[in-house]
Amino acid sequence: MTEYKMFEGCTIGNRIPFIEAASRKVFDKVGIETSQTNFSCCPDPTGMKSFDNDAWLAIGARNLCLAEAEGKDIISLCNGCANTLRGVQHQLKHEGRIQA
């Protein structure tokens, strides 16, 4: 069974928890195991990034590091969170060292 770190974000758990419940049932059926970690908010890929790119990058990088420290990939239930995590990963990979 493949294990992923589940990234719910702030919207799924607080506003649409049935998405999490349905996802867990599907994951069980297809053999995907998930576990939790102490993720932060993604943060918002539109508002936060345009307001303070460095903070957006730092918070997103922290979330990626938490999963990487356990050798797990992240599975996200929120498209905004997936967009942020993918964007942060891309920026870190292609822009090298980020300096404030």
PDB file of N, CA and C in Angstrom:
ATOM      1  N   MET A   1       0.843  -1.177   0.000  1.00  0.00           N
ATOM      2  CA  MET A   1       0.000   0.000   0.000  1.00  0.00           C
ATOM      3  C   MET A   1       0.892   1.247   0.000  1.00  0.00           C
ATOM      4  N   THR A   2       0.596   2.203  -0.844  1.00  0.00           N
ATOM      5  CA  THR A   2       1.339   3.451  -0.910  1.00  0.00           C
ATOM      6  C   THR A   2       0.822   4.411   0.151  1.00  0.00           C
ATOM      7  N   GLU A   3       1.747   5.064   0.862  1.00  0.00           N
ATOM      8  CA  GLU A   3       1.329   6.014   1.895  1.00  0.00           C
ATOM      9  C   GLU A   3       1.679   7.436   1.487  1.00  0.00           C
ATOM     10  N   TYR A   4       0.740   8.329   1.694  1.00  0.00           N
ATOM     11  CA  TYR A   4       0.909   9.749   1.413  1.00  0.00           C
ATOM     12  C   TYR A   4       0.582  10.550   2.663  1.00  0.00           C
ATOM     13  N   LYS A   5       1.107  11.746   2.731  1.00  0.00           N
ATOM     14  CA  LYS A   5       0.696  12.699   3.755  1.00  0.00           C
ATOM     15  C   LYS A   5      -0.509  13.442   3.196  1.00  0.00           C
ATOM     16  N   MET A   6      -1.609  13.401   3.917  1.00  0.00           N
ATOM     17  CA  MET A   6      -2.835  14.045   3.441  1.00  0.00           C
ATOM     18  C   MET A   6      -2.824  15.518   3.823  1.00  0.00           C
ATOM     19  N   PHE A   7      -2.937  16.361   2.804  1.00  0.00           N
ATOM     20  CA  PHE A   7      -2.996  17.807   2.997  1.00  0.00           C
ATOM     21  C   PHE A   7      -4.430  18.245   2.749  1.00  0.00           C
ATOM     22  N   GLU A   8      -5.149  18.493   3.823  1.00  0.00           N
ATOM     23  CA  GLU A   8      -6.559  18.886   3.712  1.00  0.00           C
ATOM     24  C   GLU A   8      -6.720  20.371   3.439  1.00  0.00           C
ATOM     25  N   GLY A   9      -5.789  21.159   3.925  1.00  0.00           N
ATOM     26  CA  GLY A   9      -5.929  22.604   3.822  1.00  0.00           C
ATOM     27  C   GLY A   9      -6.993  23.098   4.783  1.00  0.00           C
ATOM     28  N   CYS A  10      -7.292  24.374   4.714  1.00  0.00           N
ATOM     29  CA  CYS A  10      -8.257  24.935   5.664  1.00  0.00           C
ATOM     30  C   CYS A  10      -9.700  24.811   5.179  1.00  0.00           C
ATOM     31  N   THR A  11      -9.911  24.712   3.900  1.00  0.00           N
ATOM     32  CA  THR A  11     -11.273  24.683   3.369  1.00  0.00           C
ATOM     33  C   THR A  11     -11.933  23.324   3.539  1.00  0.00           C
ATOM     34  N   ILE A  12     -11.222  22.271   3.235  1.00  0.00           N
ATOM     35  CA  ILE A  12     -11.824  20.929   3.256  1.00  0.00           C
ATOM     36  C   ILE A  12     -12.358  20.581   4.641  1.00  0.00           C
ATOM     37  N   GLY A  13     -11.509  20.649   5.649  1.00  0.00           N
ATOM     38  CA  GLY A  13     -11.927  20.261   6.996  1.00  0.00           C
ATOM     39  C   GLY A  13     -12.976  21.162   7.609  1.00  0.00           C
ATOM     40  N   ASN A  14     -12.930  22.439   7.278  1.00  0.00           N
ATOM     41  CA  ASN A  14     -13.829  23.399   7.915  1.00  0.00           C
ATOM     42  C   ASN A  14     -15.128  23.658   7.163  1.00  0.00           C
ATOM     43  N   ARG A  15     -15.089  23.589   5.853  1.00  0.00           N
ATOM     44  CA  ARG A  15     -16.283  23.954   5.088  1.00  0.00           C
ATOM     45  C   ARG A  15     -16.932  22.797   4.348  1.00  0.00           C
ATOM     46  N   ILE A  16     -16.115  21.832   3.906  1.00  0.00           N
ATOM     47  CA  ILE A  16     -16.680  20.713   3.142  1.00  0.00           C
ATOM     48  C   ILE A  16     -16.072  19.377   3.605  1.00  0.00           C
ATOM     49  N   PRO A  17     -16.312  19.021   4.875  1.00  0.00           N
ATOM     50  CA  PRO A  17     -15.698  17.807   5.424  1.00  0.00           C
ATOM     51  C   PRO A  17     -16.149  16.517   4.738  1.00  0.00           C
ATOM     52  N   PHE A  18     -17.275  16.536   4.047  1.00  0.00           N
ATOM     53  CA  PHE A  18     -17.718  15.323   3.353  1.00  0.00           C
ATOM     54  C   PHE A  18     -16.743  14.944   2.242  1.00  0.00           C
ATOM     55  N   ILE A  19     -16.002  15.916   1.714  1.00  0.00           N
ATOM     56  CA  ILE A  19     -14.991  15.621   0.691  1.00  0.00           C
ATOM     57  C   ILE A  19     -13.891  14.752   1.292  1.00  0.00           C
ATOM     58  N   GLU A  20     -13.477  15.092   2.504  1.00  0.00           N
ATOM     59  CA  GLU A  20     -12.462  14.277   3.178  1.00  0.00           C
ATOM     60  C   GLU A  20     -12.987  12.870   3.428  1.00  0.00           C
ATOM     61  N   ALA A  21     -14.192  12.749   3.937  1.00  0.00           N
ATOM     62  CA  ALA A  21     -14.765  11.434   4.232  1.00  0.00           C
ATOM     63  C   ALA A  21     -14.878  10.587   2.967  1.00  0.00           C
ATOM     64  N   ALA A  22     -15.375  11.175   1.890  1.00  0.00           N
ATOM     65  CA  ALA A  22     -15.502  10.439   0.627  1.00  0.00           C
ATOM     66  C   ALA A  22     -14.133  10.048   0.083  1.00  0.00           C
ATOM     67  N   SER A  23     -13.173  10.954   0.197  1.00  0.00           N
ATOM     68  CA  SER A  23     -11.819  10.669  -0.297  1.00  0.00           C
ATOM     69  C   SER A  23     -11.194   9.509   0.452  1.00  0.00           C
ATOM     70  N   ARG A  24     -11.359   9.492   1.759  1.00  0.00           N
ATOM     71  CA  ARG A  24     -10.793   8.389   2.556  1.00  0.00           C
ATOM     72  C   ARG A  24     -11.391   7.038   2.140  1.00  0.00           C
ATOM     73  N   LYS A  25     -12.675   7.012   1.840  1.00  0.00           N
ATOM     74  CA  LYS A  25     -13.298   5.763   1.380  1.00  0.00           C
ATOM     75  C   LYS A  25     -12.726   5.326   0.037  1.00  0.00           C
ATOM     76  N   VAL A  26     -12.541   6.269  -0.859  1.00  0.00           N
ATOM     77  CA  VAL A  26     -11.953   5.954  -2.168  1.00  0.00           C
ATOM     78  C   VAL A  26     -10.514   5.485  -1.995  1.00  0.00           C
ATOM     79  N   PHE A  27      -9.740   6.183  -1.167  1.00  0.00           N
ATOM     80  CA  PHE A  27      -8.349   5.790  -0.937  1.00  0.00           C
ATOM     81  C   PHE A  27      -8.264   4.357  -0.419  1.00  0.00           C
ATOM     82  N   ASP A  28      -9.149   3.995   0.509  1.00  0.00           N
ATOM     83  CA  ASP A  28      -9.172   2.622   1.028  1.00  0.00           C
ATOM     84  C   ASP A  28      -9.433   1.617  -0.090  1.00  0.00           C
ATOM     85  N   LYS A  29     -10.365   1.935  -0.963  1.00  0.00           N
ATOM     86  CA  LYS A  29     -10.722   1.020  -2.059  1.00  0.00           C
ATOM     87  C   LYS A  29      -9.582   0.818  -3.050  1.00  0.00           C
ATOM     88  N   VAL A  30      -8.797   1.883  -3.304  1.00  0.00           N
ATOM     89  CA  VAL A  30      -7.732   1.784  -4.307  1.00  0.00           C
ATOM     90  C   VAL A  30      -6.347   1.542  -3.699  1.00  0.00           C
ATOM     91  N   GLY A  31      -6.302   1.343  -2.382  1.00  0.00           N
ATOM     92  CA  GLY A  31      -5.043   0.985  -1.741  1.00  0.00           C
ATOM     93  C   GLY A  31      -4.099   2.135  -1.448  1.00  0.00           C
ATOM     94  N   ILE A  32      -4.653   3.297  -1.181  1.00  0.00           N
ATOM     95  CA  ILE A  32      -3.827   4.442  -0.798  1.00  0.00           C
ATOM     96  C   ILE A  32      -3.989   4.668   0.698  1.00  0.00           C
ATOM     97  N   GLU A  33      -2.862   4.657   1.396  1.00  0.00           N
ATOM     98  CA  GLU A  33      -2.861   4.904   2.833  1.00  0.00           C
ATOM     99  C   GLU A  33      -2.457   6.353   3.063  1.00  0.00           C
ATOM    100  N   THR A  34      -3.129   7.021   3.991  1.00  0.00           N
ATOM    101  CA  THR A  34      -2.781   8.405   4.297  1.00  0.00           C
ATOM    102  C   THR A  34      -2.481   8.551   5.777  1.00  0.00           C
ATOM    103  N   SER A  35      -1.668   9.533   6.080  1.00  0.00           N
ATOM    104  CA  SER A  35      -1.396   9.885   7.467  1.00  0.00           C
ATOM    105  C   SER A  35      -1.336  11.401   7.563  1.00  0.00           C
ATOM    106  N   GLN A  36      -1.472  11.887   8.767  1.00  0.00           N
ATOM    107  CA  GLN A  36      -1.497  13.323   9.008  1.00  0.00           C
ATOM    108  C   GLN A  36      -0.129  13.793   9.498  1.00  0.00           C
ATOM    109  N   THR A  37       0.117  15.066   9.344  1.00  0.00           N
ATOM    110  CA  THR A  37       1.272  15.717   9.949  1.00  0.00           C
ATOM    111  C   THR A  37       0.844  17.124  10.326  1.00  0.00           C
ATOM    112  N   ASN A  38       1.729  17.890  10.901  1.00  0.00           N
ATOM    113  CA  ASN A  38       1.393  19.212  11.417  1.00  0.00           C
ATOM    114  C   ASN A  38       1.542  20.296  10.344  1.00  0.00           C
ATOM    115  N   PHE A  39       0.815  20.132   9.227  1.00  0.00           N
ATOM    116  CA  PHE A  39       0.868  21.115   8.153  1.00  0.00           C
ATOM    117  C   PHE A  39       0.274  22.449   8.601  1.00  0.00           C
ATOM    118  N   SER A  40       0.755  23.519   7.977  1.00  0.00           N
ATOM    119  CA  SER A  40       0.161  24.850   8.129  1.00  0.00           C
ATOM    120  C   SER A  40      -0.880  25.019   7.031  1.00  0.00           C
ATOM    121  N   CYS A  41      -1.531  26.160   7.025  1.00  0.00           N
ATOM    122  CA  CYS A  41      -2.344  26.542   5.876  1.00  0.00           C
ATOM    123  C   CYS A  41      -1.431  26.522   4.658  1.00  0.00           C
ATOM    124  N   CYS A  42      -1.965  26.371   3.477  1.00  0.00           N
ATOM    125  CA  CYS A  42      -1.123  26.142   2.280  1.00  0.00           C
ATOM    126  C   CYS A  42      -0.089  27.229   1.970  1.00  0.00           C
ATOM    127  N   PRO A  43      -0.124  28.428   2.014  1.00  0.00           N
ATOM    128  CA  PRO A  43      -1.174  29.429   2.125  1.00  0.00           C
ATOM    129  C   PRO A  43      -1.799  29.770   0.771  1.00  0.00           C
ATOM    130  N   ASP A  44      -2.841  30.585   0.846  1.00  0.00           N
ATOM    131  CA  ASP A  44      -3.637  30.974  -0.318  1.00  0.00           C
ATOM    132  C   ASP A  44      -2.774  31.338  -1.528  1.00  0.00           C
ATOM    133  N   PRO A  45      -3.009  30.664  -2.655  1.00  0.00           N
ATOM    134  CA  PRO A  45      -2.183  30.891  -3.838  1.00  0.00           C
ATOM    135  C   PRO A  45      -2.453  32.206  -4.563  1.00  0.00           C
ATOM    136  N   THR A  46      -3.500  32.903  -4.209  1.00  0.00           N
ATOM    137  CA  THR A  46      -3.803  34.156  -4.887  1.00  0.00           C
ATOM    138  C   THR A  46      -3.528  35.343  -3.969  1.00  0.00           C
ATOM    139  N   GLY A  47      -4.288  35.455  -2.906  1.00  0.00           N
ATOM    140  CA  GLY A  47      -4.162  36.602  -2.011  1.00  0.00           C
ATOM    141  C   GLY A  47      -2.825  36.696  -1.306  1.00  0.00           C
ATOM    142  N   MET A  48      -2.417  35.645  -0.626  1.00  0.00           N
ATOM    143  CA  MET A  48      -1.180  35.676   0.151  1.00  0.00           C
ATOM    144  C   MET A  48       0.034  35.870  -0.742  1.00  0.00           C
ATOM    145  N   LYS A  49       0.076  35.170  -1.844  1.00  0.00           N
ATOM    146  CA  LYS A  49       1.234  35.264  -2.738  1.00  0.00           C
ATOM    147  C   LYS A  49       1.391  36.678  -3.284  1.00  0.00           C
ATOM    148  N   SER A  50       0.305  37.311  -3.656  1.00  0.00           N
ATOM    149  CA  SER A  50       0.407  38.664  -4.209  1.00  0.00           C
ATOM    150  C   SER A  50       0.705  39.699  -3.126  1.00  0.00           C
ATOM    151  N   PHE A  51       0.319  39.416  -1.894  1.00  0.00           N
ATOM    152  CA  PHE A  51       0.555  40.340  -0.787  1.00  0.00           C
ATOM    153  C   PHE A  51       1.980  40.228  -0.254  1.00  0.00           C
ATOM    154  N   ASP A  52       2.454  38.986  -0.041  1.00  0.00           N
ATOM    155  CA  ASP A  52       3.792  38.766   0.521  1.00  0.00           C
ATOM    156  C   ASP A  52       4.351  37.452  -0.020  1.00  0.00           C
ATOM    157  N   ASN A  53       5.026  37.526  -1.144  1.00  0.00           N
ATOM    158  CA  ASN A  53       5.549  36.329  -1.808  1.00  0.00           C
ATOM    159  C   ASN A  53       6.527  35.563  -0.922  1.00  0.00           C
ATOM    160  N   ASP A  54       7.357  36.274  -0.151  1.00  0.00           N
ATOM    161  CA  ASP A  54       8.339  35.596   0.702  1.00  0.00           C
ATOM    162  C   ASP A  54       7.656  34.761   1.786  1.00  0.00           C
ATOM    163  N   ALA A  55       6.614  35.312   2.403  1.00  0.00           N
ATOM    164  CA  ALA A  55       5.877  34.556   3.421  1.00  0.00           C
ATOM    165  C   ALA A  55       5.167  33.367   2.786  1.00  0.00           C
ATOM    166  N   TRP A  56       4.557  33.585   1.623  1.00  0.00           N
ATOM    167  CA  TRP A  56       3.894  32.501   0.887  1.00  0.00           C
ATOM    168  C   TRP A  56       4.877  31.372   0.618  1.00  0.00           C
ATOM    169  N   LEU A  57       6.061  31.744   0.160  1.00  0.00           N
ATOM    170  CA  LEU A  57       7.090  30.765  -0.169  1.00  0.00           C
ATOM    171  C   LEU A  57       7.574  30.026   1.077  1.00  0.00           C
ATOM    172  N   ALA A  58       7.800  30.747   2.163  1.00  0.00           N
ATOM    173  CA  ALA A  58       8.304  30.132   3.395  1.00  0.00           C
ATOM    174  C   ALA A  58       7.298  29.146   3.989  1.00  0.00           C
ATOM    175  N   ILE A  59       6.039  29.535   4.037  1.00  0.00           N
ATOM    176  CA  ILE A  59       5.015  28.649   4.609  1.00  0.00           C
ATOM    177  C   ILE A  59       4.820  27.421   3.729  1.00  0.00           C
ATOM    178  N   GLY A  60       4.771  27.635   2.429  1.00  0.00           N
ATOM    179  CA  GLY A  60       4.641  26.497   1.512  1.00  0.00           C
ATOM    180  C   GLY A  60       5.834  25.561   1.597  1.00  0.00           C
ATOM    181  N   ALA A  61       7.038  26.131   1.689  1.00  0.00           N
ATOM    182  CA  ALA A  61       8.253  25.316   1.794  1.00  0.00           C
ATOM    183  C   ALA A  61       8.251  24.504   3.083  1.00  0.00           C
ATOM    184  N   ARG A  62       7.763  25.094   4.165  1.00  0.00           N
ATOM    185  CA  ARG A  62       7.664  24.360   5.433  1.00  0.00           C
ATOM    186  C   ARG A  62       6.783  23.126   5.270  1.00  0.00           C
ATOM    187  N   ASN A  63       5.656  23.291   4.610  1.00  0.00           N
ATOM    188  CA  ASN A  63       4.756  22.156   4.397  1.00  0.00           C
ATOM    189  C   ASN A  63       5.429  21.057   3.574  1.00  0.00           C
ATOM    190  N   LEU A  64       6.135  21.448   2.529  1.00  0.00           N
ATOM    191  CA  LEU A  64       6.845  20.458   1.714  1.00  0.00           C
ATOM    192  C   LEU A  64       7.910  19.738   2.533  1.00  0.00           C
ATOM    193  N   CYS A  65       8.615  20.479   3.379  1.00  0.00           N
ATOM    194  CA  CYS A  65       9.678  19.889   4.203  1.00  0.00           C
ATOM    195  C   CYS A  65       9.140  18.873   5.207  1.00  0.00           C
ATOM    196  N   LEU A  66       7.968  19.135   5.753  1.00  0.00           N
ATOM    197  CA  LEU A  66       7.384  18.197   6.716  1.00  0.00           C
ATOM    198  C   LEU A  66       7.161  16.829   6.084  1.00  0.00           C
ATOM    199  N   ALA A  67       6.624  16.814   4.887  1.00  0.00           N
ATOM    200  CA  ALA A  67       6.391  15.536   4.200  1.00  0.00           C
ATOM    201  C   ALA A  67       7.711  14.915   3.769  1.00  0.00           C
ATOM    202  N   GLU A  68       8.621  15.739   3.270  1.00  0.00           N
ATOM    203  CA  GLU A  68       9.911  15.232   2.806  1.00  0.00           C
ATOM    204  C   GLU A  68      10.712  14.613   3.950  1.00  0.00           C
ATOM    205  N   ALA A  69      10.601  15.181   5.141  1.00  0.00           N
ATOM    206  CA  ALA A  69      11.322  14.658   6.303  1.00  0.00           C
ATOM    207  C   ALA A  69      10.904  13.226   6.627  1.00  0.00           C
ATOM    208  N   GLU A  70       9.682  12.877   6.266  1.00  0.00           N
ATOM    209  CA  GLU A  70       9.189  11.517   6.497  1.00  0.00           C
ATOM    210  C   GLU A  70       9.264  10.664   5.239  1.00  0.00           C
ATOM    211  N   GLY A  71       9.817  11.227   4.176  1.00  0.00           N
ATOM    212  CA  GLY A  71       9.964  10.479   2.931  1.00  0.00           C
ATOM    213  C   GLY A  71       8.645  10.177   2.240  1.00  0.00           C
ATOM    214  N   LYS A  72       7.662  11.053   2.439  1.00  0.00           N
ATOM    215  CA  LYS A  72       6.328  10.831   1.863  1.00  0.00           C
ATOM    216  C   LYS A  72       5.966  11.929   0.874  1.00  0.00           C
ATOM    217  N   ASP A  73       5.197  11.567  -0.130  1.00  0.00           N
ATOM    218  CA  ASP A  73       4.611  12.544  -1.035  1.00  0.00           C
ATOM    219  C   ASP A  73       3.324  13.060  -0.411  1.00  0.00           C
ATOM    220  N   ILE A  74       2.869  14.188  -0.904  1.00  0.00           N
ATOM    221  CA  ILE A  74       1.642  14.810  -0.394  1.00  0.00           C
ATOM    222  C   ILE A  74       0.500  14.535  -1.355  1.00  0.00           C
ATOM    223  N   ILE A  75      -0.655  14.210  -0.780  1.00  0.00           N
ATOM    224  CA  ILE A  75      -1.879  14.136  -1.569  1.00  0.00           C
ATOM    225  C   ILE A  75      -2.794  15.233  -1.027  1.00  0.00           C
ATOM    226  N   SER A  76      -3.235  16.111  -1.919  1.00  0.00           N
ATOM    227  CA  SER A  76      -4.042  17.253  -1.510  1.00  0.00           C
ATOM    228  C   SER A  76      -5.469  17.094  -2.004  1.00  0.00           C
ATOM    229  N   LEU A  77      -6.401  17.434  -1.143  1.00  0.00           N
ATOM    230  CA  LEU A  77      -7.811  17.369  -1.505  1.00  0.00           C
ATOM    231  C   LEU A  77      -8.313  18.704  -2.049  1.00  0.00           C
ATOM    232  N   CYS A  78      -7.508  19.738  -1.952  1.00  0.00           N
ATOM    233  CA  CYS A  78      -7.901  21.087  -2.360  1.00  0.00           C
ATOM    234  C   CYS A  78      -7.065  21.528  -3.558  1.00  0.00           C
ATOM    235  N   ASN A  79      -7.719  21.975  -4.604  1.00  0.00           N
ATOM    236  CA  ASN A  79      -6.975  22.407  -5.788  1.00  0.00           C
ATOM    237  C   ASN A  79      -6.129  23.646  -5.529  1.00  0.00           C
ATOM    238  N   GLY A  80      -6.576  24.533  -4.658  1.00  0.00           N
ATOM    239  CA  GLY A  80      -5.780  25.708  -4.310  1.00  0.00           C
ATOM    240  C   GLY A  80      -4.509  25.317  -3.582  1.00  0.00           C
ATOM    241  N   CYS A  81      -4.634  24.376  -2.653  1.00  0.00           N
ATOM    242  CA  CYS A  81      -3.458  23.887  -1.923  1.00  0.00           C
ATOM    243  C   CYS A  81      -2.492  23.181  -2.869  1.00  0.00           C
ATOM    244  N   ALA A  82      -3.029  22.363  -3.740  1.00  0.00           N
ATOM    245  CA  ALA A  82      -2.172  21.664  -4.709  1.00  0.00           C
ATOM    246  C   ALA A  82      -1.444  22.674  -5.586  1.00  0.00           C
ATOM    247  N   ASN A  83      -2.138  23.728  -5.992  1.00  0.00           N
ATOM    248  CA  ASN A  83      -1.532  24.777  -6.806  1.00  0.00           C
ATOM    249  C   ASN A  83      -0.405  25.475  -6.044  1.00  0.00           C
ATOM    250  N   THR A  84      -0.643  25.807  -4.786  1.00  0.00           N
ATOM    251  CA  THR A  84       0.391  26.444  -3.974  1.00  0.00           C
ATOM    252  C   THR A  84       1.598  25.539  -3.806  1.00  0.00           C
ATOM    253  N   LEU A  85       1.374  24.302  -3.404  1.00  0.00           N
ATOM    254  CA  LEU A  85       2.494  23.388  -3.158  1.00  0.00           C
ATOM    255  C   LEU A  85       3.301  23.145  -4.432  1.00  0.00           C
ATOM    256  N   ARG A  86       2.621  23.004  -5.533  1.00  0.00           N
ATOM    257  CA  ARG A  86       3.302  22.814  -6.819  1.00  0.00           C
ATOM    258  C   ARG A  86       4.081  24.078  -7.202  1.00  0.00           C
ATOM    259  N   GLY A  87       3.489  25.244  -6.985  1.00  0.00           N
ATOM    260  CA  GLY A  87       4.148  26.508  -7.301  1.00  0.00           C
ATOM    261  C   GLY A  87       5.373  26.760  -6.444  1.00  0.00           C
ATOM    262  N   VAL A  88       5.259  26.475  -5.153  1.00  0.00           N
ATOM    263  CA  VAL A  88       6.400  26.638  -4.245  1.00  0.00           C
ATOM    264  C   VAL A  88       7.516  25.687  -4.645  1.00  0.00           C
ATOM    265  N   GLN A  89       7.166  24.445  -4.892  1.00  0.00           N
ATOM    266  CA  GLN A  89       8.171  23.456  -5.288  1.00  0.00           C
ATOM    267  C   GLN A  89       8.873  23.892  -6.577  1.00  0.00           C
ATOM    268  N   HIS A  90       8.115  24.376  -7.534  1.00  0.00           N
ATOM    269  CA  HIS A  90       8.687  24.832  -8.807  1.00  0.00           C
ATOM    270  C   HIS A  90       9.622  26.026  -8.586  1.00  0.00           C
ATOM    271  N   GLN A  91       9.170  26.983  -7.796  1.00  0.00           N
ATOM    272  CA  GLN A  91       9.980  28.174  -7.555  1.00  0.00           C
ATOM    273  C   GLN A  91      11.279  27.822  -6.834  1.00  0.00           C
ATOM    274  N   LEU A  92      11.212  26.956  -5.849  1.00  0.00           N
ATOM    275  CA  LEU A  92      12.418  26.552  -5.124  1.00  0.00           C
ATOM    276  C   LEU A  92      13.378  25.786  -6.029  1.00  0.00           C
ATOM    277  N   LYS A  93      12.832  24.946  -6.868  1.00  0.00           N
ATOM    278  CA  LYS A  93      13.670  24.118  -7.742  1.00  0.00           C
ATOM    279  C   LYS A  93      14.333  24.934  -8.848  1.00  0.00           C
ATOM    280  N   HIS A  94      13.605  25.848  -9.436  1.00  0.00           N
ATOM    281  CA  HIS A  94      14.103  26.543 -10.619  1.00  0.00           C
ATOM    282  C   HIS A  94      14.741  27.901 -10.342  1.00  0.00           C
ATOM    283  N   GLU A  95      14.515  28.446  -9.161  1.00  0.00           N
ATOM    284  CA  GLU A  95      15.127  29.732  -8.856  1.00  0.00           C
ATOM    285  C   GLU A  95      16.261  29.592  -7.854  1.00  0.00           C
ATOM    286  N   GLY A  96      16.587  28.351  -7.515  1.00  0.00           N
ATOM    287  CA  GLY A  96      17.698  28.114  -6.597  1.00  0.00           C
ATOM    288  C   GLY A  96      17.449  28.734  -5.240  1.00  0.00           C
ATOM    289  N   ARG A  97      18.491  29.289  -4.679  1.00  0.00           N
ATOM    290  CA  ARG A  97      18.387  29.880  -3.346  1.00  0.00           C
ATOM    291  C   ARG A  97      17.549  31.157  -3.413  1.00  0.00           C
ATOM    292  N   ILE A  98      16.566  31.233  -2.566  1.00  0.00           N
ATOM    293  CA  ILE A  98      15.693  32.398  -2.512  1.00  0.00           C
ATOM    294  C   ILE A  98      16.185  33.290  -1.376  1.00  0.00           C
ATOM    295  N   GLN A  99      16.400  34.539  -1.658  1.00  0.00           N
ATOM    296  CA  GLN A  99      16.858  35.475  -0.637  1.00  0.00           C
ATOM    297  C   GLN A  99      15.843  36.589  -0.472  1.00  0.00           C
ATOM    298  N   ALA A 100      15.597  36.950   0.775  1.00  0.00           N
ATOM    299  CA  ALA A 100      14.654  38.040   1.056  1.00  0.00           C
ATOM    300  C   ALA A 100      15.350  39.380   0.937  1.00  0.00           C
TER     301      ALA A 100
END
